Amino acid sequence: MAAYDYDLFVIGGGSGGVRAARVTAGLGKRVGVAEEYRFGGTCVIRGCVPKKLFVYASQYPEHFEDAVGYGWSVGETSFNWPTLIANKDREIARLEAIYKGGIDRAGGDTFQSRATLVDAHTVRIEAENRTVTAEHILIATGGRPNPHAALPGHEHCILSDDAFHLAELPKSIVIAGGGYIAVEFANIFHGLGVETTLVYRGKEILGRFDHDLRHMLHETMEGKGIRILCQTVFEKIEKRDDGKLVAHLNEGEPIVADQVMLALGRMPNTENLGLESAGVELGKMGEIVVDDYSRTTVPNIYAVGDVTNRVQLTPVAIHEAMCFVDTVFKGKPTRPDLESVATAVFSQPEIGTVGLSEEDAAKEYDEIEIYRAVFRPMRNILPGRQEKMLTKLVVDAKSRVVLGAHILGPDAGEMAQLLGIVIKGRLTKDVVDATMAVHPTAAEELVTMYQPTYRLKGGERVG
């Protein structure tokens, strides 16, 4: 008779949890997974996937405008918000079924229930009011938007999760935040015809990104008509009798809008999981503390994904899950490699970035070279669209290794995926230079920037 009901029990049915469960079950292990909401987690249900669908929807007004320059007569257009929501919901339901079905087909057990720890080897399945035991437990409960409950009137605001289920499209919105979620939703709502204001406490949007990307995107967004207020914060939100919201700021006139969104960071889902009962240590932000192998302070309990507050990206959670399976069930201890992770911001235009920014590289390396090109991509010429594109490489002057690659422009996210190989492989600028260009493309600029635009030595510009 087995000592435990399961070899692995996973709490959380998002990208990381589902991957770990499915692969482990495929190895012939007894696996159980509990998800209290919907299988698929943040990315599939209320994050990356529906957001990207909204991004596509919001791009069509510009596509219609640009079509005229290519000889098309588009005619009168209109947008129907309920249609977008219904079509989005249908796709999310399809993906949810795939995620859950993958575990079932691999031989795992799925529970539509909240699960909590009783002790290091025991899990309570709340919906069934029973407990099961497991040799190993994986916490993959993800994160959620920070509601900023200390802000007076926060209860009148929406969070990013709510944006996917609004009964109607607002005519105006104010978004608090300057990170990628705030920036993406500002572009989405503006593209759908909503009067949009972005309020950010910092000096420039998208902190920690390369400064050229931040500044150029800011200018482009304002050129489109998005109002951006930096070094500004909300003091309180009031709701008027007519249903309108009033955002009071630390300076300037209050802003009246139909909706106010708080996009002010995310927090790990660790409350009321019984972690204390099992002896799992939490960090200052409420995240689960893990070692290099995703092991918590309890030897048989592991955690992956956003709940650990390492790198909050879906592919990272999946990678951590695969490393967990290798470590625990395949006898191949494997550390997740969280260096040089490529990422994209689906703003309009997009950002694609991987590796060190110019600022960070200047701090770590004695001398760096910056290769930079700003140009109008070909697709913008005939429509007369003035938006520029930026391509930038950051190179260690001594070794010639490419340290960072940054793009602002159409399909930047697609390019970043391939540039990730360059950075991860520590390829040199000489290899990039020797690569034949694909013409005519915007991406060819990356392999034809033969001379540095300028150099930095000791953090100071030298030419």
Protein backbone atom coordinates (compact mmCIF):
# COMPACT_ATOMS: atom_id res chain seq x y z
CA MET A 1 0.00 0.00 0.00
CA ALA A 2 1.35 3.43 -0.98
CA ALA A 3 2.40 5.70 1.85
CA TYR A 4 0.64 8.67 0.22
CA ASP A 5 -2.42 9.17 -1.96
CA TYR A 6 -0.36 11.07 -4.53
CA ASP A 7 3.24 11.34 -5.60
CA LEU A 8 2.54 14.99 -6.41
CA PHE A 9 -0.27 17.32 -5.52
CA VAL A 10 -0.37 20.71 -7.23
CA ILE A 11 -2.25 23.66 -5.80
CA GLY A 12 -3.02 26.00 -8.69
CA GLY A 13 -4.05 25.23 -12.26
CA GLY A 14 -2.21 27.95 -14.15
CA SER A 15 0.57 27.59 -16.70
CA GLY A 16 3.21 26.41 -14.24
CA GLY A 17 1.00 24.10 -12.22
CA VAL A 18 -0.64 22.48 -15.23
CA ARG A 19 2.69 21.87 -16.97
CA ALA A 20 4.21 20.25 -13.88
CA ALA A 21 1.12 18.11 -13.32
CA ARG A 22 0.75 16.96 -16.91
CA VAL A 23 4.41 16.05 -17.41
CA THR A 24 4.65 14.30 -14.05
CA ALA A 25 1.49 12.31 -14.70
CA GLY A 26 2.96 11.36 -18.07
CA LEU A 27 5.84 9.74 -16.19
CA GLY A 28 3.36 7.37 -14.58
CA LYS A 29 3.19 9.20 -11.27
CA ARG A 30 0.01 9.71 -9.26
CA VAL A 31 -0.87 13.39 -9.61
CA GLY A 32 -3.67 15.57 -8.30
CA VAL A 33 -4.33 19.23 -9.17
CA ALA A 34 -6.72 21.62 -7.47
CA GLU A 35 -7.84 24.91 -9.05
CA GLU A 36 -10.46 27.01 -7.31
CA TYR A 37 -11.41 29.21 -10.27
CA ARG A 38 -10.65 28.17 -13.85
CA PHE A 39 -7.85 26.05 -15.26
CA GLY A 40 -5.44 28.15 -17.28
CA GLY A 41 -4.58 30.67 -14.59
CA THR A 42 -3.76 34.34 -15.06
CA CYS A 43 -2.30 34.02 -18.55
CA VAL A 44 -5.11 32.14 -20.22
CA ILE A 45 -8.12 33.41 -18.28
CA ARG A 46 -7.38 37.02 -17.32
CA GLY A 47 -3.95 37.96 -18.63
CA CYS A 48 -1.76 37.40 -21.67
CA VAL A 49 -4.29 35.72 -23.96
CA PRO A 50 -7.38 37.94 -23.60
CA LYS A 51 -5.12 40.99 -23.42
CA LYS A 52 -3.46 40.13 -26.75
CA LEU A 53 -6.89 39.60 -28.31
CA PHE A 54 -7.86 43.07 -27.08
CA VAL A 55 -4.62 44.46 -28.51
CA TYR A 56 -5.48 43.05 -31.93
CA ALA A 57 -8.98 44.55 -31.71
CA SER A 58 -7.62 47.97 -30.79
CA GLN A 59 -5.21 48.07 -33.75
CA TYR A 60 -7.89 48.02 -36.44
CA PRO A 61 -8.65 51.76 -36.51
CA GLU A 62 -5.06 52.42 -37.58
CA HIS A 63 -5.21 49.54 -40.05
CA PHE A 64 -8.33 51.10 -41.60
CA GLU A 65 -6.59 54.48 -41.83
CA ASP A 66 -3.45 53.01 -43.37
CA ALA A 67 -5.38 50.98 -45.92
CA VAL A 68 -6.27 54.18 -47.80
CA GLY A 69 -2.59 54.77 -48.60
CA TYR A 70 -2.50 51.35 -50.25
CA GLY A 71 -5.49 52.03 -52.47
CA TRP A 72 -8.24 50.51 -50.35
CA SER A 73 -11.53 52.28 -49.69
CA VAL A 74 -12.65 50.88 -46.36
CA GLY A 75 -15.90 52.78 -45.92
CA GLU A 76 -17.76 53.37 -42.69
CA THR A 77 -16.63 51.27 -39.74
CA SER A 78 -18.07 50.61 -36.30
CA PHE A 79 -17.04 48.66 -33.23
CA ASN A 80 -19.21 46.39 -31.10
CA TRP A 81 -17.84 45.73 -27.60
CA PRO A 82 -20.24 42.85 -26.73
CA THR A 83 -19.12 40.99 -29.86
CA LEU A 84 -15.47 41.23 -28.84
CA ILE A 85 -16.29 40.05 -25.31
CA ALA A 86 -18.37 37.10 -26.54
CA ASN A 87 -15.71 35.98 -29.02
CA LYS A 88 -12.98 36.37 -26.41
CA ASP A 89 -14.97 34.34 -23.89
CA ARG A 90 -15.48 31.54 -26.39
CA GLU A 91 -11.73 31.31 -27.07
CA ILE A 92 -10.85 31.38 -23.37
CA ALA A 93 -13.33 28.55 -22.70
CA ARG A 94 -11.71 26.51 -25.48
CA LEU A 95 -8.23 27.00 -24.03
CA GLU A 96 -9.44 26.26 -20.50
CA ALA A 97 -10.78 22.90 -21.66
CA ILE A 98 -7.43 22.12 -23.30
CA TYR A 99 -5.52 22.87 -20.10
CA LYS A 100 -7.75 20.72 -17.92
CA GLY A 101 -8.06 18.01 -20.56
CA GLY A 102 -4.30 17.69 -20.85
CA ILE A 103 -4.05 16.66 -17.20
CA ASP A 104 -6.96 14.27 -17.49
CA ARG A 105 -5.52 12.57 -20.58
CA ALA A 106 -2.15 12.19 -18.87
CA GLY A 107 -3.85 10.32 -16.04
CA GLY A 108 -3.94 13.04 -13.39
CA ASP A 109 -6.87 13.90 -11.14
CA THR A 110 -8.33 17.41 -11.35
CA PHE A 111 -10.33 19.09 -8.61
CA GLN A 112 -12.39 22.24 -9.17
CA SER A 113 -11.79 23.42 -5.64
CA ARG A 114 -9.73 25.57 -3.37
CA ALA A 115 -7.01 23.54 -1.66
CA THR A 116 -5.11 24.35 1.51
CA LEU A 117 -2.24 22.80 3.41
CA VAL A 118 -2.97 20.98 6.64
CA ASP A 119 0.65 19.98 7.16
CA ALA A 120 3.71 19.24 5.03
CA HIS A 121 2.11 16.21 3.38
CA THR A 122 -1.63 16.80 3.73
CA VAL A 123 -3.93 18.90 1.56
CA ARG A 124 -7.55 19.74 2.25
CA ILE A 125 -9.80 19.85 -0.83
CA GLU A 126 -12.32 22.39 0.38
CA ALA A 127 -15.17 21.69 -2.06
CA GLU A 128 -15.19 18.01 -1.12
CA ASN A 129 -14.46 18.59 2.57
CA ARG A 130 -11.79 15.91 2.64
CA THR A 131 -8.06 15.60 2.81
CA VAL A 132 -5.51 13.81 0.65
CA THR A 133 -1.83 13.15 1.22
CA ALA A 134 1.08 13.67 -1.13
CA GLU A 135 4.78 12.91 -1.06
CA HIS A 136 5.53 16.17 -2.87
CA ILE A 137 3.45 19.34 -3.03
CA LEU A 138 3.83 22.13 -5.57
CA ILE A 139 2.36 25.59 -4.90
CA ALA A 140 1.54 27.40 -8.16
CA THR A 141 -1.23 29.77 -7.11
CA GLY A 142 0.07 32.76 -9.07
CA GLY A 143 -0.68 36.38 -8.27
CA ARG A 144 -3.37 39.02 -8.57
CA PRO A 145 -3.60 42.78 -9.09
CA ASN A 146 -2.86 44.90 -6.04
CA PRO A 147 -6.17 46.61 -5.10
CA HIS A 148 -4.40 49.37 -3.15
CA ALA A 149 -7.04 49.31 -0.46
CA ALA A 150 -5.39 52.26 1.31
CA LEU A 151 -6.45 54.59 -1.51
CA PRO A 152 -9.69 56.34 -0.55
CA GLY A 153 -12.33 55.35 -3.06
CA HIS A 154 -10.44 52.34 -4.41
CA GLU A 155 -13.68 50.37 -4.33
CA HIS A 156 -14.96 52.46 -7.23
CA CYS A 157 -12.03 51.44 -9.44
CA ILE A 158 -11.49 48.46 -11.70
CA LEU A 159 -8.41 46.26 -11.88
CA SER A 160 -6.91 44.64 -14.96
CA ASP A 161 -8.95 41.47 -14.32
CA ASP A 162 -12.17 43.48 -14.51
CA ALA A 163 -11.34 45.05 -17.88
CA PHE A 164 -12.13 41.77 -19.64
CA HIS A 165 -15.69 41.68 -18.34
CA LEU A 166 -16.98 45.25 -18.51
CA ALA A 167 -20.64 45.38 -19.46
CA GLU A 168 -19.97 48.30 -21.78
CA LEU A 169 -16.99 50.13 -23.20
CA PRO A 170 -16.39 53.38 -21.28
CA LYS A 171 -16.17 56.66 -23.14
CA SER A 172 -13.29 57.78 -20.90
CA ILE A 173 -10.84 56.11 -18.52
CA VAL A 174 -8.02 57.11 -16.20
CA ILE A 175 -5.35 54.48 -15.56
CA ALA A 176 -3.00 54.63 -12.59
CA GLY A 177 0.38 53.03 -13.21
CA GLY A 178 3.31 53.14 -15.57
CA GLY A 179 4.27 49.48 -15.88
CA TYR A 180 3.57 47.24 -18.84
CA ILE A 181 0.01 46.41 -17.77
CA ALA A 182 -0.95 50.08 -17.44
CA VAL A 183 0.75 51.00 -20.70
CA GLU A 184 -0.83 48.13 -22.63
CA PHE A 185 -4.33 48.91 -21.39
CA ALA A 186 -3.87 52.61 -22.10
CA ASN A 187 -3.12 51.71 -25.72
CA ILE A 188 -5.96 49.18 -25.87
CA PHE A 189 -8.63 51.56 -24.61
CA HIS A 190 -7.35 54.44 -26.72
CA GLY A 191 -7.37 52.23 -29.83
CA LEU A 192 -11.00 51.32 -29.13
CA GLY A 193 -11.93 55.00 -29.09
CA VAL A 194 -11.84 55.68 -25.36
CA GLU A 195 -10.52 59.02 -24.09
CA THR A 196 -7.52 57.78 -22.10
CA THR A 197 -5.31 59.33 -19.41
CA LEU A 198 -2.33 57.56 -17.83
CA VAL A 199 -1.19 58.73 -14.39
CA TYR A 200 2.22 57.60 -13.17
CA ARG A 201 4.24 58.56 -10.11
CA GLY A 202 7.65 58.08 -11.80
CA LYS A 203 9.57 60.41 -14.09
CA GLU A 204 9.02 58.18 -17.14
CA ILE A 205 6.80 55.20 -17.95
CA LEU A 206 8.12 51.62 -17.96
CA GLY A 207 10.76 51.79 -15.26
CA ARG A 208 13.68 49.35 -15.65
CA PHE A 209 13.30 49.28 -19.43
CA ASP A 210 15.93 50.91 -21.64
CA HIS A 211 15.53 54.69 -21.52
CA ASP A 212 15.37 55.07 -25.32
CA LEU A 213 12.40 52.69 -25.47
CA ARG A 214 10.63 54.46 -22.62
CA HIS A 215 11.08 57.96 -23.98
CA MET A 216 10.20 57.15 -27.58
CA LEU A 217 7.09 55.15 -26.63
CA HIS A 218 5.96 57.98 -24.35
CA GLU A 219 6.26 60.49 -27.20
CA THR A 220 4.47 58.19 -29.63
CA MET A 221 1.59 57.52 -27.25
CA GLU A 222 1.10 61.22 -26.65
CA GLY A 223 1.24 61.79 -30.40
CA LYS A 224 -1.68 59.39 -30.77
CA GLY A 225 -3.70 61.36 -28.24
CA ILE A 226 -3.11 59.48 -24.99
CA ARG A 227 -2.65 61.92 -22.12
CA ILE A 228 0.26 60.95 -19.85
CA LEU A 229 0.83 62.61 -16.47
CA CYS A 230 4.14 61.64 -14.85
CA GLN A 231 5.25 62.39 -11.29
CA THR A 232 1.57 62.41 -10.37
CA VAL A 233 -0.44 60.19 -8.02
CA PHE A 234 -4.06 59.62 -7.05
CA GLU A 235 -5.12 61.07 -3.71
CA LYS A 236 -8.70 59.79 -3.75
CA ILE A 237 -11.46 58.61 -6.06
CA GLU A 238 -15.00 59.90 -5.70
CA LYS A 239 -18.19 58.67 -7.35
CA ARG A 240 -20.71 61.31 -8.41
CA ASP A 241 -24.46 60.92 -8.37
CA ASP A 242 -24.46 60.58 -12.16
CA GLY A 243 -22.13 57.57 -11.93
CA LYS A 244 -19.05 59.41 -13.16
CA LEU A 245 -15.80 58.99 -11.24
CA VAL A 246 -13.56 61.86 -10.15
CA ALA A 247 -9.86 61.14 -9.75
CA HIS A 248 -8.26 63.66 -7.42
CA LEU A 249 -4.52 64.07 -8.01
CA ASN A 250 -1.69 65.38 -5.87
CA GLU A 251 -1.41 68.27 -8.31
CA GLY A 252 -3.50 69.68 -11.12
CA GLU A 253 -7.22 69.56 -11.72
CA PRO A 254 -9.28 66.45 -10.89
CA ILE A 255 -10.08 64.19 -13.84
CA VAL A 256 -13.65 63.07 -14.50
CA ALA A 257 -14.06 59.72 -16.27
CA ASP A 258 -16.40 56.77 -16.73
CA GLN A 259 -13.86 54.30 -15.34
CA VAL A 260 -10.70 54.42 -13.25
CA MET A 261 -8.27 51.50 -13.46
CA LEU A 262 -5.62 50.71 -10.88
CA ALA A 263 -2.64 49.00 -12.53
CA LEU A 264 -0.22 49.44 -9.65
CA GLY A 265 1.56 46.14 -9.42
CA ARG A 266 0.63 42.60 -8.47
CA MET A 267 0.81 40.52 -5.32
CA PRO A 268 1.30 36.76 -4.75
CA ASN A 269 -1.67 34.56 -3.84
CA THR A 270 -0.46 33.15 -0.54
CA GLU A 271 -3.21 34.15 1.90
CA ASN A 272 -5.17 31.43 3.70
CA LEU A 273 -3.35 28.55 2.04
CA GLY A 274 -2.20 27.01 5.31
CA LEU A 275 1.42 27.76 4.49
CA GLU A 276 2.15 28.65 8.09
CA SER A 277 0.74 25.33 9.25
CA ALA A 278 3.12 23.51 6.98
CA GLY A 279 6.10 25.69 7.92
CA VAL A 280 6.53 27.42 4.54
CA GLU A 281 8.37 30.73 4.87
CA LEU A 282 7.09 33.88 3.18
CA GLY A 283 9.04 36.96 2.08
CA LYS A 284 8.37 40.66 2.63
CA MET A 285 5.90 40.88 -0.25
CA GLY A 286 4.03 37.77 0.84
CA GLU A 287 5.83 35.67 -1.75
CA ILE A 288 6.94 32.09 -1.10
CA VAL A 289 10.66 31.94 -0.44
CA VAL A 290 12.40 29.31 -2.57
CA ASP A 291 15.96 28.19 -3.23
CA ASP A 292 17.65 27.82 -6.62
CA TYR A 293 15.67 24.65 -7.28
CA SER A 294 12.25 26.15 -6.37
CA ARG A 295 12.23 24.31 -3.04
CA THR A 296 10.57 26.08 -0.11
CA THR A 297 11.76 25.96 3.49
CA VAL A 298 9.89 22.64 3.75
CA PRO A 299 11.93 19.97 1.88
CA ASN A 300 9.02 18.27 0.08
CA ILE A 301 7.13 21.47 -0.83
CA TYR A 302 8.07 23.48 -3.92
CA ALA A 303 6.71 26.63 -5.56
CA VAL A 304 6.87 28.01 -9.10
CA GLY A 305 5.53 30.98 -11.01
CA ASP A 306 4.27 34.36 -9.85
CA VAL A 307 3.65 33.15 -6.30
CA THR A 308 7.44 33.21 -5.83
CA ASN A 309 7.73 36.77 -7.21
CA ARG A 310 10.84 35.99 -9.24
CA VAL A 311 10.21 36.79 -12.92
CA GLN A 312 6.47 37.19 -13.46
CA LEU A 313 6.10 35.82 -16.97
CA THR A 314 4.19 32.78 -18.21
CA PRO A 315 7.13 31.14 -20.04
CA VAL A 316 9.19 31.52 -16.85
CA ALA A 317 6.57 29.68 -14.80
CA ILE A 318 6.52 26.88 -17.38
CA HIS A 319 10.33 26.71 -17.40
CA GLU A 320 10.41 26.57 -13.60
CA ALA A 321 7.83 23.77 -13.70
CA MET A 322 9.94 21.73 -16.10
CA CYS A 323 13.01 22.23 -13.92
CA PHE A 324 10.95 21.08 -10.93
CA VAL A 325 9.98 17.87 -12.73
CA ASP A 326 13.60 17.24 -13.72
CA THR A 327 14.77 17.83 -10.16
CA VAL A 328 12.16 15.85 -8.26
CA PHE A 329 11.00 13.11 -10.62
CA LYS A 330 13.79 12.60 -13.14
CA GLY A 331 16.78 12.67 -10.81
CA LYS A 332 18.35 15.61 -12.69
CA PRO A 333 18.65 18.57 -10.31
CA THR A 334 18.06 21.61 -12.53
CA ARG A 335 18.08 25.28 -11.63
CA PRO A 336 15.71 27.55 -13.56
CA ASP A 337 17.77 29.88 -15.76
CA LEU A 338 16.26 33.31 -15.21
CA GLU A 339 19.00 35.32 -16.91
CA SER A 340 18.40 37.22 -20.15
CA VAL A 341 14.67 36.51 -20.41
CA ALA A 342 13.18 38.06 -23.55
CA THR A 343 9.92 39.92 -23.13
CA ALA A 344 7.49 42.14 -24.99
CA VAL A 345 5.21 45.02 -24.14
CA PHE A 346 2.20 44.96 -26.44
CA SER A 347 1.89 48.69 -26.60
CA GLN A 348 1.30 50.48 -29.90
CA PRO A 349 4.00 50.41 -31.18
CA GLU A 350 5.28 47.25 -29.51
CA ILE A 351 8.39 46.85 -27.41
CA GLY A 352 10.60 43.78 -27.67
CA THR A 353 13.57 43.57 -25.34
CA VAL A 354 16.12 41.11 -23.98
CA GLY A 355 19.29 41.47 -21.94
CA LEU A 356 20.79 44.55 -20.33
CA SER A 357 19.57 48.08 -20.88
CA GLU A 358 22.12 50.75 -21.70
CA GLU A 359 21.94 52.02 -18.12
CA ASP A 360 22.49 48.63 -16.50
CA ALA A 361 25.25 47.67 -18.90
CA ALA A 362 27.09 50.91 -18.16
CA LYS A 363 27.10 50.00 -14.47
CA GLU A 364 28.44 46.48 -15.02
CA TYR A 365 30.96 46.97 -17.81
CA ASP A 366 33.88 49.38 -18.10
CA GLU A 367 33.17 50.31 -21.71
CA ILE A 368 30.17 49.64 -23.88
CA GLU A 369 29.18 50.45 -27.44
CA ILE A 370 25.68 51.50 -28.44
CA TYR A 371 24.38 50.73 -31.92
CA ARG A 372 21.17 52.62 -32.58
CA ALA A 373 18.91 53.27 -35.56
CA VAL A 374 15.69 55.29 -35.74
CA PHE A 375 13.67 55.13 -38.96
CA ARG A 376 10.19 54.98 -40.45
CA PRO A 377 9.33 51.36 -41.20
CA MET A 378 8.31 50.75 -44.80
CA ARG A 379 4.71 49.93 -43.89
CA ASN A 380 4.25 53.53 -42.67
CA ILE A 381 5.46 55.26 -45.84
CA LEU A 382 2.47 55.06 -48.21
CA PRO A 383 -0.11 55.77 -45.49
CA GLY A 384 1.94 58.81 -44.44
CA ARG A 385 2.14 57.62 -40.85
CA GLN A 386 4.99 59.44 -39.11
CA GLU A 387 5.66 56.88 -36.35
CA LYS A 388 9.30 55.91 -36.07
CA MET A 389 10.90 52.59 -35.19
CA LEU A 390 13.91 52.07 -32.92
CA THR A 391 16.45 49.26 -33.01
CA LYS A 392 19.28 49.21 -30.48
CA LEU A 393 22.11 46.86 -29.51
CA VAL A 394 24.23 47.20 -26.38
CA VAL A 395 27.68 45.65 -26.78
CA ASP A 396 30.62 45.03 -24.44
CA ALA A 397 33.48 46.90 -26.14
CA LYS A 398 36.12 44.49 -24.84
CA SER A 399 34.63 41.09 -25.64
CA ARG A 400 32.26 42.29 -28.38
CA VAL A 401 29.48 40.21 -26.78
CA VAL A 402 25.99 41.59 -27.37
CA LEU A 403 24.62 42.38 -23.91
CA GLY A 404 21.20 43.71 -24.80
CA ALA A 405 18.82 44.14 -27.72
CA HIS A 406 15.89 46.55 -27.72
CA ILE A 407 13.24 47.27 -30.34
CA LEU A 408 10.28 49.64 -30.55
CA GLY A 409 8.06 49.17 -33.55
CA PRO A 410 5.80 46.76 -35.46
CA ASP A 411 6.30 43.09 -34.55
CA ALA A 412 8.96 43.96 -31.96
CA GLY A 413 7.80 41.08 -29.77
CA GLU A 414 8.33 38.59 -32.58
CA MET A 415 11.85 39.91 -33.14
CA ALA A 416 12.69 39.76 -29.43
CA GLN A 417 12.09 36.01 -29.39
CA LEU A 418 14.85 35.46 -31.92
CA LEU A 419 17.14 38.08 -30.41
CA GLY A 420 16.84 36.12 -27.17
CA ILE A 421 18.92 33.41 -28.86
CA VAL A 422 21.65 35.94 -29.63
CA ILE A 423 21.79 37.16 -26.04
CA LYS A 424 21.43 33.72 -24.44
CA GLY A 425 24.15 32.35 -26.70
CA ARG A 426 26.43 35.29 -25.86
CA LEU A 427 27.04 35.88 -29.52
CA THR A 428 29.33 38.72 -30.51
CA LYS A 429 28.58 41.77 -32.57
CA ASP A 430 30.88 40.29 -35.21
CA VAL A 431 28.50 37.35 -35.62
CA VAL A 432 25.58 39.76 -35.94
CA ASP A 433 27.49 41.79 -38.55
CA ALA A 434 28.30 38.64 -40.52
CA THR A 435 24.62 37.66 -40.67
CA MET A 436 23.03 38.33 -44.06
CA ALA A 437 20.09 40.72 -43.95
CA VAL A 438 16.58 39.75 -45.02
CA HIS A 439 15.45 42.55 -47.34
CA PRO A 440 13.22 44.48 -47.26
CA THR A 441 12.40 44.10 -43.55
CA ALA A 442 12.61 46.30 -40.52
CA ALA A 443 14.61 43.60 -38.74
CA GLU A 444 17.50 43.94 -41.19
CA GLU A 445 18.54 47.10 -39.35
CA LEU A 446 19.72 44.85 -36.52
CA VAL A 447 22.39 43.28 -38.72
CA THR A 448 23.41 46.40 -40.66
CA MET A 449 24.36 48.75 -37.82
CA TYR A 450 28.10 48.38 -38.44
CA GLN A 451 29.42 51.46 -36.61
CA PRO A 452 28.60 52.36 -33.01
CA THR A 453 26.37 55.39 -32.56
CA TYR A 454 28.31 56.25 -29.38
CA ARG A 455 30.36 54.69 -26.58
CA LEU A 456 30.16 54.84 -22.82
CA LYS A 457 33.26 54.45 -20.65
CA GLY A 458 32.86 54.45 -16.90
CA GLY A 459 29.26 55.46 -17.48
CA GLU A 460 30.30 58.60 -19.36
CA ARG A 461 29.76 59.18 -23.07
CA VAL A 462 33.08 59.26 -24.94
CA GLY A 463 32.03 59.38 -28.56
